[in-house]
Protein backbone atom coordinates (compact mmCIF):
# COMPACT_ATOMS: atom_id res chain seq x y z
CA MET A 1 -22.01 6.57 28.13
CA ILE A 2 -24.62 6.69 25.63
CA VAL A 3 -23.48 9.44 23.94
CA MET A 4 -20.15 7.94 23.37
CA PHE A 5 -21.34 4.63 22.65
CA TRP A 6 -23.24 6.03 19.17
CA LEU A 7 -20.08 8.68 19.05
CA PHE A 8 -17.86 5.25 18.49
CA ILE A 9 -20.72 3.52 16.40
CA GLY A 10 -20.80 6.69 14.04
CA LEU A 11 -17.05 7.10 13.33
CA ILE A 12 -16.79 3.02 13.01
CA LEU A 13 -19.22 3.03 10.21
CA TYR A 14 -18.36 6.17 8.67
CA CYS A 15 -14.60 4.98 8.54
CA TYR A 16 -15.24 1.62 7.01
CA PHE A 17 -18.75 1.95 5.10
CA GLY A 18 -20.00 5.96 4.90
CA TYR A 19 -16.55 7.31 3.91
CA PRO A 20 -16.47 5.35 0.65
CA ILE A 21 -19.98 5.44 0.03
CA LEU A 22 -19.52 9.34 0.50
CA LEU A 23 -15.91 9.22 -1.92
CA ALA A 24 -18.14 7.39 -4.39
CA ILE A 25 -21.22 10.43 -4.81
CA VAL A 26 -18.66 13.10 -4.55
CA SER A 27 -15.97 11.50 -7.30
CA SER A 28 -19.30 10.62 -9.77
CA LEU A 29 -20.99 14.50 -9.25
CA PHE A 30 -17.39 16.21 -9.20
CA PRO A 31 -14.88 14.38 -11.16
CA HIS A 32 -11.68 15.50 -12.02
CA PRO A 33 -10.21 14.02 -15.08
CA VAL A 34 -7.32 13.24 -16.58
CA SER A 35 -6.32 14.44 -19.81
CA LYS A 36 -4.10 11.11 -21.48
CA GLU A 37 -2.09 10.55 -24.41
CA ASN A 38 0.26 7.84 -26.04
CA ILE A 39 3.50 9.82 -25.21
CA LYS A 40 6.71 7.77 -24.64
CA PRO A 41 8.47 9.94 -22.13
CA LYS A 42 12.15 9.07 -21.37
CA ILE A 43 11.71 6.98 -18.39
CA SER A 44 14.52 5.49 -15.43
CA ILE A 45 13.10 2.27 -13.50
CA VAL A 46 14.78 2.46 -10.01
CA ILE A 47 14.71 -1.12 -8.22
CA SER A 48 16.14 -1.22 -4.61
CA VAL A 49 16.73 -4.84 -3.83
CA TRP A 50 18.38 -6.96 -0.90
CA ASN A 51 18.93 -10.89 -1.63
CA GLU A 52 16.53 -11.57 -4.11
CA GLN A 53 18.41 -13.85 -5.76
CA ASP A 54 14.78 -16.07 -6.22
CA VAL A 55 12.76 -13.59 -8.57
CA ILE A 56 15.50 -11.13 -9.82
CA SER A 57 16.35 -12.69 -13.13
CA GLN A 58 12.19 -13.15 -13.77
CA LYS A 59 12.31 -9.31 -12.74
CA ILE A 60 14.63 -8.36 -15.33
CA SER A 61 13.38 -10.17 -17.91
CA ASN A 62 10.33 -9.13 -17.61
CA LEU A 63 11.25 -5.09 -17.32
CA LEU A 64 13.63 -5.48 -20.83
CA ALA A 65 10.64 -7.29 -22.23
CA LEU A 66 8.35 -4.37 -21.76
CA ARG A 67 7.02 -2.94 -25.00
CA TYR A 68 8.56 0.54 -24.57
CA PRO A 69 11.17 1.98 -26.93
CA SER A 70 14.49 0.78 -25.95
CA ASP A 71 16.50 4.04 -26.51
CA HIS A 72 13.84 5.68 -24.21
CA MET A 73 14.66 3.21 -20.89
CA GLU A 74 16.75 2.71 -18.76
CA ILE A 75 16.91 0.00 -15.58
CA LEU A 76 18.81 1.09 -12.39
CA ILE A 77 19.34 -1.47 -9.31
CA GLY A 78 20.71 -0.86 -6.25
CA SER A 79 21.82 -3.98 -4.27
CA ASP A 80 21.52 -3.09 -0.48
CA GLY A 81 24.05 -5.25 1.03
CA SER A 82 22.75 -8.75 -1.00
CA ASP A 83 25.03 -11.51 0.52
CA ASP A 84 23.20 -14.61 -1.37
CA GLY A 85 23.59 -14.97 -5.42
CA THR A 86 21.79 -11.27 -6.50
CA ASN A 87 24.31 -9.67 -7.91
CA GLU A 88 26.02 -12.01 -9.75
CA ILE A 89 22.47 -12.86 -11.23
CA ILE A 90 22.46 -8.62 -12.16
CA ARG A 91 25.55 -8.87 -13.72
CA SER A 92 24.54 -11.74 -15.79
CA PHE A 93 23.08 -9.54 -18.00
CA ASN A 94 24.60 -8.30 -21.14
CA ASP A 95 22.40 -5.01 -22.04
CA ASP A 96 23.25 -1.55 -22.10
CA ARG A 97 20.18 -0.46 -20.24
CA ILE A 98 20.95 -1.40 -17.02
CA ARG A 99 22.58 -0.30 -14.65
CA PHE A 100 23.85 -1.93 -11.67
CA LEU A 101 24.71 -0.20 -8.04
CA GLU A 102 26.48 -2.73 -5.67
CA PHE A 103 26.56 -0.89 -2.06
CA LYS A 104 28.99 -3.20 0.49
CA GLU A 105 27.32 -1.84 3.08
CA ARG A 106 22.82 -2.26 4.14
CA ARG A 107 21.63 1.10 4.83
CA GLY A 108 18.20 0.79 3.90
CA LYS A 109 16.04 1.29 0.94
CA MET A 110 15.13 5.25 0.99
CA ALA A 111 19.13 5.62 1.19
CA VAL A 112 19.25 3.33 -1.65
CA LEU A 113 16.54 5.31 -3.70
CA ASN A 114 18.24 8.20 -3.60
CA GLU A 115 21.26 7.12 -4.46
CA LEU A 116 19.45 5.50 -8.13
CA VAL A 117 17.68 8.78 -8.80
CA SER A 118 20.50 11.04 -8.29
CA MET A 119 21.91 9.40 -10.61
CA SER A 120 19.04 8.80 -13.28
CA ARG A 121 19.34 10.16 -16.51
CA HIS A 122 15.55 10.53 -17.64
CA GLU A 123 12.79 12.64 -16.83
CA ILE A 124 10.22 10.20 -15.40
CA ILE A 125 11.38 8.06 -12.79
CA VAL A 126 9.39 4.75 -12.50
CA PHE A 127 9.69 2.89 -9.03
CA ASN A 128 9.58 -1.07 -8.68
CA ASP A 129 9.81 -3.81 -6.77
CA ALA A 130 11.31 -7.34 -7.48
CA ARG A 131 8.71 -9.24 -6.56
CA GLN A 132 5.88 -8.10 -9.02
CA GLU A 133 5.29 -9.03 -12.82
CA LEU A 134 4.20 -6.40 -15.54
CA PRO A 135 1.79 -6.95 -18.49
CA ASP A 136 4.21 -5.62 -21.26
CA ASP A 137 1.95 -2.60 -21.86
CA ALA A 138 2.14 -1.51 -18.15
CA ILE A 139 4.66 1.23 -18.10
CA SER A 140 3.10 2.79 -21.32
CA LYS A 141 -0.16 3.16 -19.59
CA LEU A 142 1.39 4.28 -16.19
CA VAL A 143 3.15 7.20 -18.13
CA SER A 144 0.15 8.40 -20.74
CA ASN A 145 -0.83 10.23 -17.52
CA PHE A 146 2.24 12.64 -17.44
CA ALA A 147 0.72 14.48 -20.78
CA ASP A 148 -1.51 16.34 -18.20
CA PRO A 149 0.63 18.91 -16.69
CA HIS A 150 -1.10 18.84 -13.38
CA VAL A 151 -0.28 15.01 -12.36
CA GLY A 152 2.97 14.77 -10.78
CA CYS A 153 2.89 11.20 -9.44
CA VAL A 154 0.65 7.88 -11.11
CA SER A 155 0.53 4.72 -9.30
CA GLY A 156 -0.27 1.23 -11.26
CA GLU A 157 -3.23 -1.05 -9.48
CA LEU A 158 -1.59 -4.52 -7.92
CA VAL A 159 -3.34 -7.47 -8.65
CA PHE A 160 -3.73 -10.39 -6.68
CA ARG A 161 -3.55 -13.78 -7.94
CA LYS A 162 -6.64 -15.85 -6.51
CA LYS A 163 -5.63 -18.05 -3.99
CA ASP A 164 -7.96 -20.65 -1.50
CA GLY A 165 -6.72 -19.52 1.73
CA ALA A 166 -8.76 -17.90 4.22
CA THR A 167 -5.59 -15.50 4.57
CA ALA A 168 -5.58 -15.05 1.21
CA GLN A 169 -9.24 -14.70 -0.07
CA GLY A 170 -9.59 -12.17 2.93
CA ILE A 171 -6.38 -10.23 1.59
CA ASN A 172 -7.64 -9.93 -1.53
CA LEU A 173 -11.29 -8.84 -0.53
CA TYR A 174 -9.59 -5.88 1.75
CA TRP A 175 -7.26 -5.00 -1.41
CA GLU A 176 -10.26 -4.72 -3.75
CA TYR A 177 -11.57 -1.97 -1.30
CA GLU A 178 -8.34 -0.22 -0.66
CA LYS A 179 -7.93 -0.17 -4.65
CA PHE A 180 -12.01 1.44 -4.45
CA MET A 181 -11.08 4.15 -2.77
CA ARG A 182 -7.50 5.31 -4.32
CA ASN A 183 -9.35 5.16 -7.63
CA HIS A 184 -11.87 7.34 -5.75
CA GLU A 185 -9.81 9.57 -3.88
CA ALA A 186 -7.48 10.01 -7.47
CA ARG A 187 -11.14 10.90 -9.22
CA ILE A 188 -11.52 13.92 -7.09
CA HIS A 189 -7.74 15.00 -6.59
CA SER A 190 -5.03 12.30 -5.30
CA MET A 191 -4.72 8.98 -3.85
CA LEU A 192 -3.29 9.19 -0.69
CA GLY A 193 -0.07 6.36 -0.99
CA ALA A 194 0.94 5.07 -4.20
CA THR A 195 1.60 1.22 -4.77
CA GLY A 196 4.76 0.32 -4.05
CA ALA A 197 5.25 -2.44 -6.92
CA MET A 198 4.96 -0.14 -9.67
CA TYR A 199 4.68 4.37 -9.45
CA ALA A 200 6.27 7.03 -11.31
CA ILE A 201 6.72 10.48 -10.58
CA ARG A 202 8.46 13.58 -12.23
CA LYS A 203 11.71 13.37 -11.16
CA ASN A 204 11.90 17.29 -10.66
CA LEU A 205 9.12 16.73 -8.01
CA TYR A 206 11.81 14.33 -5.99
CA HIS A 207 12.85 15.13 -3.07
CA PRO A 208 15.45 12.83 -1.35
CA VAL A 209 13.51 10.36 1.74
CA PRO A 210 15.13 10.69 4.88
CA HIS A 211 16.30 7.33 5.36
CA HIS A 212 14.36 6.80 8.79
CA ILE A 213 10.90 6.64 6.63
CA VAL A 214 9.41 3.17 5.72
CA LEU A 215 7.21 4.08 3.87
CA ASP A 216 8.21 5.60 0.34
CA ASP A 217 5.28 5.10 -1.35
CA MET A 218 3.35 7.04 0.54
CA TYR A 219 6.04 9.72 1.73
CA ILE A 220 6.97 10.47 -2.21
CA PRO A 221 3.05 11.06 -3.31
CA PHE A 222 2.67 13.51 0.00
CA ARG A 223 5.60 15.36 -1.35
CA VAL A 224 4.40 15.83 -4.84
CA ILE A 225 0.90 16.67 -3.75
CA GLU A 226 2.35 19.23 -1.49
CA GLN A 227 4.42 21.34 -4.09
CA GLY A 228 0.74 21.90 -6.43
CA TYR A 229 0.39 18.35 -8.64
CA ARG A 230 -2.15 15.47 -8.35
CA ALA A 231 -1.15 11.78 -7.51
CA ILE A 232 -3.55 9.57 -9.31
CA PHE A 233 -4.33 5.89 -10.32
CA GLU A 234 -4.20 4.11 -13.01
CA PRO A 235 -6.05 1.30 -12.87
CA GLU A 236 -4.62 -0.13 -15.90
CA ALA A 237 -1.52 -0.04 -15.54
CA LYS A 238 -1.57 -3.52 -13.56
CA ALA A 239 1.33 -5.78 -11.75
CA TYR A 240 0.73 -9.04 -10.40
CA ASP A 241 1.76 -10.66 -7.25
CA ASN A 242 0.69 -13.54 -4.92
CA ALA A 243 -1.71 -12.72 -1.84
CA ALA A 244 -0.18 -13.72 1.25
CA GLU A 245 -1.43 -17.29 2.27
CA ASN A 246 0.44 -17.15 5.80
CA PRO A 247 -1.38 -14.51 8.38
CA GLN A 248 1.94 -13.41 9.86
CA GLU A 249 3.66 -12.10 6.64
CA GLU A 250 0.53 -10.15 6.18
CA TYR A 251 1.08 -9.15 9.66
CA ARG A 252 4.36 -8.06 9.71
CA ARG A 253 3.49 -6.04 6.55
CA LYS A 254 0.68 -4.28 8.15
CA THR A 255 2.26 -3.53 10.92
CA ARG A 256 5.14 -1.81 8.96
CA THR A 257 2.69 -0.17 6.69
CA LEU A 258 0.72 1.34 10.24
CA PHE A 259 4.06 2.45 11.60
CA GLY A 260 5.07 4.21 8.17
CA ASN A 261 1.44 6.09 8.20
CA LEU A 262 2.31 7.68 11.78
CA GLN A 263 5.37 8.98 10.57
CA ILE A 264 3.28 10.05 7.92
CA PHE A 265 1.30 12.40 9.84
CA GLN A 266 4.16 13.34 11.72
CA ILE A 267 5.98 14.13 9.06
CA PHE A 268 2.95 16.15 7.27
CA GLY A 269 0.44 17.17 10.07
CA ARG A 270 -0.20 20.41 8.00
CA MET A 271 -2.19 18.17 5.07
CA PHE A 272 -5.12 17.84 7.73
CA ASN A 273 -5.36 21.35 7.35
CA PRO A 274 -8.50 21.77 4.99
CA PHE A 275 -8.12 25.24 3.97
CA LYS A 276 -4.50 24.35 2.92
CA SER A 277 -4.34 21.12 1.73
CA PRO A 278 -6.86 19.60 -0.92
CA ILE A 279 -6.50 15.98 0.72
CA ALA A 280 -7.35 17.06 4.01
CA VAL A 281 -10.73 15.58 4.22
CA GLN A 282 -9.58 11.85 2.79
CA LEU A 283 -6.24 12.08 5.05
CA PHE A 284 -8.83 12.09 8.16
CA SER A 285 -11.56 9.88 6.82
CA HIS A 286 -9.29 6.72 5.28
CA LYS A 287 -5.76 6.98 7.23
CA PHE A 288 -6.44 8.50 10.68
CA LEU A 289 -10.17 7.35 11.49
CA ARG A 290 -8.48 3.50 10.28
CA ILE A 291 -5.92 3.75 12.88
CA LEU A 292 -8.23 5.41 15.51
CA ALA A 293 -11.06 2.39 14.71
CA PRO A 294 -9.48 -0.46 17.15
CA PHE A 295 -9.23 1.94 20.20
CA LEU A 296 -13.06 3.01 18.93
CA MET A 297 -13.77 -0.86 18.79
CA ILE A 298 -12.43 -1.69 22.45
CA GLY A 299 -13.97 1.33 24.01
CA LEU A 300 -17.05 0.04 22.52
CA ILE A 301 -17.12 -3.24 24.23
CA GLY A 302 -16.02 -1.01 27.72
CA ILE A 303 -19.22 1.24 27.28
CA ASN A 304 -21.13 -1.84 26.59
CA LEU A 305 -20.39 -3.21 29.59
CA VAL A 306 -21.49 -0.33 31.63
CA LEU A 307 -24.89 -0.19 29.62
CA ILE A 308 -25.25 -4.20 29.92
CA LYS A 309 -28.52 -3.92 32.03
CA GLN A 310 -30.14 -2.03 28.52
CA LYS A 311 -31.62 -4.62 26.53
CA PHE A 312 -30.42 -3.28 23.75
CA TYR A 313 -27.19 -2.55 24.76
CA ALA A 314 -27.30 -6.02 25.90
CA ILE A 315 -27.87 -7.24 22.06
CA VAL A 316 -25.52 -5.41 20.91
CA LEU A 317 -22.57 -6.39 23.01
CA VAL A 318 -23.51 -10.13 22.13
CA MET A 319 -23.28 -9.44 18.27
CA GLN A 320 -19.80 -7.98 18.94
CA ILE A 321 -18.39 -10.86 20.90
CA SER A 322 -20.34 -13.35 18.02
CA PHE A 323 -17.84 -11.27 15.51
CA TYR A 324 -14.90 -11.97 17.33
CA LEU A 325 -15.69 -15.41 18.10
CA MET A 326 -16.26 -15.80 14.58
CA ALA A 327 -12.76 -14.17 14.03
CA VAL A 328 -10.98 -17.40 16.21
CA ILE A 329 -12.71 -19.37 14.65
CA GLY A 330 -11.17 -18.29 11.02
CA PHE A 331 -7.71 -18.06 12.88
CA LEU A 332 -8.07 -21.64 14.27
CA THR A 333 -9.49 -23.49 10.88
CA LYS A 334 -7.72 -20.90 7.88
CA GLY A 335 -5.23 -23.81 7.28
CA LEU A 336 -8.34 -26.28 6.33
CA LYS A 337 -9.39 -26.48 3.00
CA ARG A 338 -11.76 -29.48 3.01
CA GLY A 339 -14.94 -30.81 4.38
CA ILE A 340 -17.11 -28.68 6.55
CA PHE A 341 -14.73 -26.62 8.57
CA HIS A 342 -13.59 -25.52 5.32
CA LYS A 343 -17.37 -24.07 4.74
CA ILE A 344 -16.75 -22.19 8.29
CA THR A 345 -13.41 -21.09 7.11
CA LYS A 346 -14.94 -19.41 4.33
CA LEU A 347 -17.50 -17.81 6.72
CA CYS A 348 -15.27 -16.82 8.99
CA TYR A 349 -12.19 -15.64 7.11
CA ILE A 350 -13.60 -11.98 6.73
CA PRO A 351 -13.82 -11.24 10.68
CA TYR A 352 -10.72 -12.88 10.97
CA VAL A 353 -8.57 -10.92 8.57
CA PHE A 354 -10.43 -7.68 9.55
CA CYS A 355 -9.39 -8.53 13.34
CA LEU A 356 -6.08 -9.21 11.56
CA LEU A 357 -5.45 -6.19 10.18
CA ASN A 358 -6.71 -4.38 13.11
CA LEU A 359 -4.21 -5.54 15.52
CA SER A 360 -1.46 -4.60 13.53
CA VAL A 361 -2.53 -1.12 13.55
CA LEU A 362 -2.24 -1.62 17.48
CA THR A 363 1.44 -3.15 17.15
CA GLY A 364 1.79 -0.26 14.46
CA CYS A 365 1.53 2.00 17.14
CA TRP A 366 3.04 0.53 19.89
CA ARG A 367 6.29 0.39 18.08
CA PHE A 368 5.91 3.92 16.61
CA LEU A 369 5.64 4.85 20.50
CA ASN A 370 8.54 3.24 20.97
CA SER A 371 10.38 3.77 17.99
CA LYS A 372 11.37 0.00 18.00
CA GLN A 373 10.29 -0.06 13.63
CA ASP A 374 13.65 -1.23 11.47
CA ILE A 375 14.09 0.69 8.83
CA THR A 376 15.62 -2.04 6.72
CA TRP A 377 13.43 -4.29 5.49
CA GLU A 378 12.83 -8.30 5.40
CA LYS A 379 11.08 -10.05 2.48
CA ALA A 380 7.51 -10.30 2.80
CA ARG A 381 7.28 -13.95 2.13
CA LYS A 382 9.67 -16.93 0.37
CA ASN A 383 8.93 -17.08 -3.85
CA GLN A 384 5.42 -19.12 -4.46
């Protein structure tokens, strides 16, 4: 039992602290820089939308205002059975760069992306979501990495605007942690997933995405890596969004993400082989252990209860219970923004969001085992 206790502790600490430190050291000692140049390849921006009438006009205007040669850019928008005013808004734009495809039947994002890519005319495909705002130089910063012939996929950086809510602050902190790891993983070889808000690939590396896949921003980069190219992170290519303030929104999004991770493991299991995969260590340390972590934490409490008669292990159990109580307090006080309770919320939001994200892992695993994840998507949140 004692051996298992320290094994579980070691794996949890390595997952959340040891691996990021190891990444920073290895990427500093053995960097693999990208040869960037100020190039302007011809690009096809593709967006799959469903009922986005609240943001689609702003999104199209944003894309048309990008500082990029107009004769080197086309925008393909596919509407996946939208039944609000989305289609009419898209048609109201009179610009030769826009190509609109209206699909009457709702089939899911991957089916639409496959159609759009197959109809695209240019060498670089830039994937975009409808909600996020791009600075006018974002695409230029993104595609400059394709001057390096070894680069097959480039992800931009999603930046959350600061919010006061406990959930938003916790998600922002978590996302900064994730971006740190993506950046350092890319400096060694490749990141393990792109930012769905904005990423790009060479069109000749695109493989149609199976319709049941829920994470195109993981499946597509993995296909690129599998073909011998790098998938890298470009922090200067930014997309702006609002962090979720409602914990249910983030819980739903993260549950879907974890379900998608398990799909990726199933399809790309060979990528765990360190003799054949350049990302095997990263995949095990970053993705697999992250899914294993909540099970390790549950097991740790059980082992602690068995060892409770020993003073040291009793103290550790009290520390664990205190941490989870802080998470409960964070949940109960998450809506308070004034007075002493607001200060308590700020103290407890990290344990709260940490436990929320790990609960979503358990839910994602359950859905995967029961095949209960819908391939069509719901909007993450209403326009904020």
